[in-house]
Amino acid sequence: MAVGLKNDLLQIKDLVSYFDFAYNEQCYQYGECDKLTPFILQGKAVFQAEYQGNLTRICAKAKSLKMDAVLMDMDVTGKKSQRC
């Protein structure tokens, strides 16, 4: 079983060693994606979801930081999801 940290950017440095991956919402929108790099530096996956914005820009940022990203509707039904 894997355990993930969700949307807790303020404690990442203290908690990264206790979690297997990170999941964050809207780090691109709020300019916070760089705060997730401790996970990447430890070889751990980072999954990132955005609910608005330009898919090309979101994917470029995600790729540069070695994250997986998806752009989806706020209703999160998956009907209009777009993955990088």
N, C-alpha and C. Protein backbone atom coordinates (compact mmCIF):
# COMPACT_ATOMS: atom_id res chain seq x y z
N MET A 1 0.84 -1.16 0.00
CA MET A 1 0.00 0.00 0.00
C MET A 1 0.89 1.24 0.00
N ALA A 2 0.46 2.26 -0.75
CA ALA A 2 1.20 3.52 -0.81
C ALA A 2 0.38 4.61 -0.10
N VAL A 3 1.09 5.55 0.49
CA VAL A 3 0.45 6.64 1.21
C VAL A 3 0.88 7.95 0.56
N GLY A 4 -0.10 8.82 0.24
CA GLY A 4 0.19 10.08 -0.42
C GLY A 4 -0.15 11.29 0.43
N LEU A 5 0.58 12.35 0.21
CA LEU A 5 0.33 13.64 0.86
C LEU A 5 -0.49 14.50 -0.08
N LYS A 6 -1.60 15.05 0.40
CA LYS A 6 -2.49 15.83 -0.46
C LYS A 6 -2.58 17.28 0.02
N ASN A 7 -2.22 18.20 -0.88
CA ASN A 7 -2.42 19.63 -0.67
C ASN A 7 -1.84 20.18 0.64
N ASP A 8 -0.71 19.71 1.07
CA ASP A 8 -0.12 20.19 2.32
C ASP A 8 1.28 20.75 2.04
N LEU A 9 1.32 21.83 1.30
CA LEU A 9 2.59 22.40 0.87
C LEU A 9 3.45 22.93 2.01
N LEU A 10 2.83 23.41 3.05
CA LEU A 10 3.58 24.02 4.15
C LEU A 10 4.43 23.02 4.94
N GLN A 11 4.05 21.75 4.93
CA GLN A 11 4.76 20.75 5.74
C GLN A 11 5.57 19.75 4.91
N ILE A 12 5.71 20.00 3.62
CA ILE A 12 6.39 19.03 2.76
C ILE A 12 7.79 18.69 3.25
N LYS A 13 8.57 19.66 3.60
CA LYS A 13 9.95 19.38 4.02
C LYS A 13 10.00 18.47 5.24
N ASP A 14 9.03 18.61 6.14
CA ASP A 14 8.98 17.79 7.34
C ASP A 14 8.38 16.41 7.09
N LEU A 15 7.52 16.29 6.08
CA LEU A 15 6.76 15.06 5.90
C LEU A 15 7.17 14.21 4.71
N VAL A 16 7.98 14.71 3.82
CA VAL A 16 8.29 14.01 2.57
C VAL A 16 8.79 12.58 2.80
N SER A 17 9.55 12.37 3.83
CA SER A 17 10.10 11.02 4.06
C SER A 17 9.05 10.02 4.54
N TYR A 18 7.89 10.50 4.96
CA TYR A 18 6.83 9.62 5.47
C TYR A 18 5.80 9.23 4.40
N PHE A 19 5.89 9.82 3.21
CA PHE A 19 4.89 9.59 2.17
C PHE A 19 5.54 9.06 0.91
N ASP A 20 4.75 8.30 0.15
CA ASP A 20 5.24 7.68 -1.08
C ASP A 20 5.06 8.56 -2.31
N PHE A 21 4.11 9.48 -2.29
CA PHE A 21 3.84 10.37 -3.42
C PHE A 21 3.09 11.59 -2.90
N ALA A 22 2.95 12.58 -3.77
CA ALA A 22 2.19 13.79 -3.43
C ALA A 22 1.10 14.01 -4.48
N TYR A 23 -0.03 14.50 -4.02
CA TYR A 23 -1.12 14.91 -4.91
C TYR A 23 -1.46 16.35 -4.56
N ASN A 24 -1.49 17.20 -5.56
CA ASN A 24 -1.77 18.61 -5.31
C ASN A 24 -2.75 19.14 -6.34
N GLU A 25 -3.58 20.05 -5.89
CA GLU A 25 -4.53 20.71 -6.78
C GLU A 25 -4.15 22.17 -6.94
N GLN A 26 -4.11 22.60 -8.16
CA GLN A 26 -3.97 24.00 -8.54
C GLN A 26 -2.62 24.64 -8.16
N CYS A 27 -1.55 23.88 -8.13
CA CYS A 27 -0.26 24.50 -7.84
C CYS A 27 0.17 25.43 -8.97
N TYR A 28 -0.20 25.10 -10.21
CA TYR A 28 0.14 25.98 -11.33
C TYR A 28 -0.62 27.31 -11.20
N GLN A 29 -1.90 27.21 -10.92
CA GLN A 29 -2.73 28.42 -10.80
C GLN A 29 -2.21 29.36 -9.72
N TYR A 30 -1.74 28.79 -8.61
CA TYR A 30 -1.29 29.62 -7.49
C TYR A 30 0.23 29.79 -7.43
N GLY A 31 0.95 29.28 -8.43
CA GLY A 31 2.41 29.45 -8.48
C GLY A 31 3.14 28.72 -7.38
N GLU A 32 2.66 27.52 -7.02
CA GLU A 32 3.24 26.79 -5.90
C GLU A 32 3.88 25.45 -6.30
N CYS A 33 3.97 25.15 -7.56
CA CYS A 33 4.47 23.84 -8.00
C CYS A 33 5.89 23.57 -7.53
N ASP A 34 6.71 24.59 -7.47
CA ASP A 34 8.10 24.41 -7.04
C ASP A 34 8.21 23.86 -5.62
N LYS A 35 7.19 24.09 -4.81
CA LYS A 35 7.21 23.60 -3.42
C LYS A 35 7.12 22.07 -3.34
N LEU A 36 6.76 21.43 -4.44
CA LEU A 36 6.64 19.98 -4.47
C LEU A 36 7.94 19.27 -4.86
N THR A 37 8.98 20.02 -5.16
CA THR A 37 10.23 19.42 -5.61
C THR A 37 10.90 18.48 -4.60
N PRO A 38 10.72 18.62 -3.29
CA PRO A 38 11.32 17.64 -2.39
C PRO A 38 10.88 16.20 -2.71
N PHE A 39 9.66 16.01 -3.16
CA PHE A 39 9.22 14.68 -3.54
C PHE A 39 9.98 14.19 -4.78
N ILE A 40 10.11 15.06 -5.74
CA ILE A 40 10.78 14.70 -6.99
C ILE A 40 12.27 14.41 -6.72
N LEU A 41 12.90 15.20 -5.89
CA LEU A 41 14.31 14.99 -5.56
C LEU A 41 14.55 13.66 -4.87
N GLN A 42 13.52 13.13 -4.21
CA GLN A 42 13.63 11.82 -3.57
C GLN A 42 13.11 10.70 -4.47
N GLY A 43 12.84 11.01 -5.74
CA GLY A 43 12.39 10.00 -6.68
C GLY A 43 10.95 9.57 -6.48
N LYS A 44 10.14 10.43 -5.88
CA LYS A 44 8.74 10.11 -5.59
C LYS A 44 7.83 10.84 -6.58
N ALA A 45 6.74 10.20 -6.92
CA ALA A 45 5.80 10.77 -7.89
C ALA A 45 5.04 11.97 -7.32
N VAL A 46 4.75 12.91 -8.21
CA VAL A 46 3.88 14.04 -7.88
C VAL A 46 2.78 14.09 -8.93
N PHE A 47 1.54 14.03 -8.46
CA PHE A 47 0.37 14.11 -9.31
C PHE A 47 -0.29 15.45 -9.06
N GLN A 48 -0.65 16.14 -10.12
CA GLN A 48 -1.08 17.52 -10.02
C GLN A 48 -2.33 17.72 -10.88
N ALA A 49 -3.36 18.36 -10.32
CA ALA A 49 -4.60 18.63 -11.06
C ALA A 49 -4.86 20.12 -11.11
N GLU A 50 -5.27 20.58 -12.27
CA GLU A 50 -5.70 21.96 -12.46
C GLU A 50 -7.14 21.94 -12.95
N TYR A 51 -7.87 22.98 -12.63
CA TYR A 51 -9.27 23.06 -13.02
C TYR A 51 -9.55 24.19 -14.01
N GLN A 52 -8.53 24.99 -14.26
CA GLN A 52 -8.63 26.04 -15.28
C GLN A 52 -7.23 26.35 -15.78
N GLY A 53 -7.16 26.93 -16.94
CA GLY A 53 -5.86 27.30 -17.48
C GLY A 53 -5.61 26.69 -18.85
N ASN A 54 -4.43 26.95 -19.36
CA ASN A 54 -4.02 26.51 -20.67
C ASN A 54 -3.26 25.18 -20.56
N LEU A 55 -3.78 24.15 -21.20
CA LEU A 55 -3.19 22.82 -21.09
C LEU A 55 -1.73 22.80 -21.53
N THR A 56 -1.40 23.49 -22.60
CA THR A 56 -0.03 23.51 -23.10
C THR A 56 0.92 24.09 -22.05
N ARG A 57 0.53 25.16 -21.41
CA ARG A 57 1.38 25.79 -20.38
C ARG A 57 1.48 24.92 -19.13
N ILE A 58 0.36 24.35 -18.73
CA ILE A 58 0.35 23.48 -17.56
C ILE A 58 1.27 22.28 -17.80
N CYS A 59 1.16 21.68 -18.97
CA CYS A 59 1.98 20.51 -19.29
C CYS A 59 3.46 20.85 -19.38
N ALA A 60 3.77 22.01 -19.92
CA ALA A 60 5.17 22.43 -20.01
C ALA A 60 5.77 22.59 -18.62
N LYS A 61 5.02 23.21 -17.72
CA LYS A 61 5.50 23.39 -16.34
C LYS A 61 5.63 22.03 -15.65
N ALA A 62 4.64 21.17 -15.82
CA ALA A 62 4.68 19.84 -15.20
C ALA A 62 5.87 19.04 -15.72
N LYS A 63 6.09 19.09 -17.01
CA LYS A 63 7.21 18.35 -17.60
C LYS A 63 8.55 18.87 -17.07
N SER A 64 8.67 20.19 -16.96
CA SER A 64 9.93 20.76 -16.48
C SER A 64 10.23 20.36 -15.03
N LEU A 65 9.18 20.11 -14.26
CA LEU A 65 9.35 19.72 -12.86
C LEU A 65 9.24 18.21 -12.64
N LYS A 66 9.03 17.45 -13.74
CA LYS A 66 8.91 15.99 -13.69
C LYS A 66 7.69 15.54 -12.88
N MET A 67 6.56 16.22 -13.12
CA MET A 67 5.29 15.89 -12.48
C MET A 67 4.32 15.34 -13.51
N ASP A 68 3.30 14.64 -13.03
CA ASP A 68 2.18 14.24 -13.87
C ASP A 68 1.06 15.24 -13.62
N ALA A 69 0.44 15.74 -14.69
CA ALA A 69 -0.60 16.76 -14.53
C ALA A 69 -1.82 16.42 -15.37
N VAL A 70 -2.94 16.95 -14.93
CA VAL A 70 -4.21 16.78 -15.64
C VAL A 70 -5.00 18.07 -15.50
N LEU A 71 -5.72 18.43 -16.56
CA LEU A 71 -6.63 19.58 -16.55
C LEU A 71 -8.03 18.99 -16.60
N MET A 72 -8.85 19.31 -15.61
CA MET A 72 -10.20 18.75 -15.55
C MET A 72 -11.23 19.78 -15.12
N ASP A 73 -12.49 19.46 -15.37
CA ASP A 73 -13.58 20.32 -14.93
C ASP A 73 -13.73 20.25 -13.42
N MET A 74 -14.30 21.30 -12.84
CA MET A 74 -14.51 21.33 -11.39
C MET A 74 -15.44 20.23 -10.91
N ASP A 75 -16.32 19.73 -11.78
CA ASP A 75 -17.24 18.67 -11.35
C ASP A 75 -16.53 17.32 -11.28
N VAL A 76 -15.28 17.27 -11.68
CA VAL A 76 -14.39 16.10 -11.64
C VAL A 76 -15.05 14.78 -12.06
N THR A 77 -15.89 14.84 -13.07
CA THR A 77 -16.50 13.62 -13.59
C THR A 77 -15.54 12.88 -14.50
N GLY A 78 -14.51 13.56 -14.97
CA GLY A 78 -13.56 12.94 -15.89
C GLY A 78 -13.96 13.02 -17.34
N LYS A 79 -15.16 13.53 -17.61
CA LYS A 79 -15.66 13.59 -18.99
C LYS A 79 -14.81 14.50 -19.86
N LYS A 80 -14.27 15.56 -19.28
CA LYS A 80 -13.50 16.51 -20.06
C LYS A 80 -12.04 16.60 -19.59
N SER A 81 -11.56 15.58 -18.95
CA SER A 81 -10.18 15.56 -18.47
C SER A 81 -9.21 15.53 -19.63
N GLN A 82 -8.11 16.25 -19.45
CA GLN A 82 -7.04 16.26 -20.45
C GLN A 82 -5.72 16.06 -19.70
N ARG A 83 -5.05 14.96 -20.02
CA ARG A 83 -3.77 14.66 -19.38
C ARG A 83 -2.63 15.15 -20.24
N CYS A 84 -1.53 15.43 -19.60
CA CYS A 84 -0.32 15.81 -20.33
C CYS A 84 0.32 14.59 -20.94
